[in-house]
Amino acid sequence: MTAVGVGDWHHTVDAHDQRMEALQRANKVRTKRAQLKVDIKEGRESVFGYLMAPPEYILTMKVWDLCLAKNKVGRVKANKVFVQMRISPSKTVGDLTLRQRQELAQIFS
């Protein structure tokens, strides 16, 4: 009976460790994305490069958020482009087709 208790305790610790690692990874991704948006806003980075060759940490990022990070791009302009291209604001960078990436990169670069 004690062996089961010990095994259960180990299982709980492993699950806790996994959750903590997942939280740390998620926080790193959020931090990188936040820095990317600042860099785009300040002109140190280009939307073009990130749309055409997205690093793993932005594949699940909403394209809408990436485009809004650009200077002089607000909700109205972004919405006009997204409606015109028939792209949902909730679409992620990883879900874009090559054609969509190319068109967005031209518009927002």
Protein backbone atom coordinates (compact mmCIF):
# COMPACT_ATOMS: atom_id res chain seq x y z
CA MET A 1 0.00 0.00 0.00
CA THR A 2 2.82 2.43 0.70
CA ALA A 3 4.32 1.75 -2.73
CA VAL A 4 1.10 3.02 -4.32
CA GLY A 5 1.21 6.14 -2.14
CA VAL A 6 4.81 6.80 -3.10
CA GLY A 7 4.01 6.26 -6.78
CA ASP A 8 1.06 8.63 -6.57
CA TRP A 9 3.22 11.28 -4.94
CA HIS A 10 5.83 10.90 -7.70
CA HIS A 11 3.12 11.25 -10.32
CA THR A 12 1.89 14.46 -8.68
CA VAL A 13 5.40 15.93 -8.57
CA ASP A 14 5.98 15.05 -12.25
CA ALA A 15 2.69 16.66 -13.28
CA HIS A 16 3.55 19.75 -11.24
CA ASP A 17 7.02 19.94 -12.84
CA GLN A 18 5.48 19.60 -16.30
CA ARG A 19 3.03 22.43 -15.58
CA MET A 20 5.83 24.63 -14.30
CA GLU A 21 7.97 23.94 -17.38
CA ALA A 22 5.00 24.67 -19.66
CA LEU A 23 4.37 27.95 -17.84
CA GLN A 24 8.03 28.93 -18.18
CA ARG A 25 7.98 28.16 -21.91
CA ALA A 26 4.76 30.13 -22.37
CA ASN A 27 6.21 33.10 -20.49
CA LYS A 28 9.33 33.05 -22.67
CA VAL A 29 7.17 33.03 -25.81
CA ARG A 30 5.06 35.93 -24.52
CA THR A 31 8.19 37.89 -23.63
CA LYS A 32 9.72 37.30 -27.09
CA ARG A 33 6.47 38.31 -28.81
CA ALA A 34 6.18 41.46 -26.71
CA GLN A 35 9.77 42.42 -27.56
CA LEU A 36 9.14 41.70 -31.24
CA LYS A 37 6.12 44.02 -31.25
CA VAL A 38 8.20 46.77 -29.64
CA ASP A 39 11.01 46.22 -32.16
CA ILE A 40 8.55 46.39 -35.07
CA LYS A 41 6.90 49.51 -33.65
CA GLU A 42 10.29 51.21 -33.28
CA GLY A 43 11.46 50.16 -36.75
CA ARG A 44 14.23 47.79 -35.63
CA GLU A 45 12.45 44.79 -37.15
CA SER A 46 10.29 44.31 -40.24
CA VAL A 47 6.93 42.55 -40.50
CA PHE A 48 8.06 41.28 -43.91
CA GLY A 49 10.81 39.03 -42.57
CA TYR A 50 8.65 37.57 -39.84
CA LEU A 51 5.78 36.80 -42.19
CA MET A 52 7.99 35.23 -44.84
CA ALA A 53 10.16 33.16 -42.47
CA PRO A 54 8.38 33.03 -39.11
CA PRO A 55 10.30 31.67 -36.14
CA GLU A 56 8.55 28.98 -34.12
CA TYR A 57 7.56 31.32 -31.29
CA ILE A 58 5.25 33.38 -33.55
CA LEU A 59 3.58 30.53 -35.44
CA THR A 60 0.67 30.59 -32.99
CA MET A 61 0.57 34.40 -32.79
CA LYS A 62 -2.42 36.13 -34.35
CA VAL A 63 -1.50 37.86 -37.61
CA TRP A 64 -3.72 40.73 -36.51
CA ASP A 65 -1.45 41.43 -33.52
CA LEU A 66 1.67 41.27 -35.66
CA CYS A 67 0.25 43.76 -38.19
CA LEU A 68 -1.00 46.16 -35.50
CA ALA A 69 2.53 46.32 -34.10
CA LYS A 70 3.58 48.27 -37.20
CA ASN A 71 3.68 52.05 -36.97
CA LYS A 72 0.78 53.85 -38.67
CA VAL A 73 -1.30 50.65 -38.80
CA GLY A 74 -4.40 50.82 -36.69
CA ARG A 75 -7.51 48.74 -36.37
CA VAL A 76 -9.31 50.46 -39.26
CA LYS A 77 -6.50 50.03 -41.79
CA ALA A 78 -5.79 46.46 -40.65
CA ASN A 79 -9.48 45.57 -40.77
CA LYS A 80 -9.80 46.96 -44.30
CA VAL A 81 -6.89 44.80 -45.48
CA PHE A 82 -8.10 41.69 -43.66
CA VAL A 83 -11.63 42.05 -45.07
CA GLN A 84 -10.28 42.66 -48.56
CA MET A 85 -8.06 39.57 -48.35
CA ARG A 86 -10.74 37.51 -46.57
CA ILE A 87 -8.47 36.73 -43.63
CA SER A 88 -9.96 36.27 -40.19
CA PRO A 89 -8.39 38.47 -37.49
CA SER A 90 -8.05 35.32 -35.38
CA LYS A 91 -5.88 33.55 -37.98
CA THR A 92 -2.41 32.70 -36.75
CA VAL A 93 0.86 33.31 -38.57
CA GLY A 94 1.34 29.56 -38.97
CA ASP A 95 -2.09 29.19 -40.61
CA LEU A 96 -1.38 31.63 -43.44
CA THR A 97 -0.86 30.35 -46.96
CA LEU A 98 2.23 31.44 -48.88
CA ARG A 99 0.11 33.77 -51.03
CA GLN A 100 -1.43 35.40 -47.94
CA ARG A 101 2.03 35.82 -46.37
CA GLN A 102 3.36 37.46 -49.52
CA GLU A 103 0.42 39.85 -49.87
CA LEU A 104 0.43 40.84 -46.20
CA ALA A 105 4.19 41.27 -46.24
CA GLN A 106 3.93 43.66 -49.21
CA ILE A 107 1.13 45.69 -47.60
CA PHE A 108 2.58 45.93 -44.09
CA SER A 109 6.27 46.31 -44.94
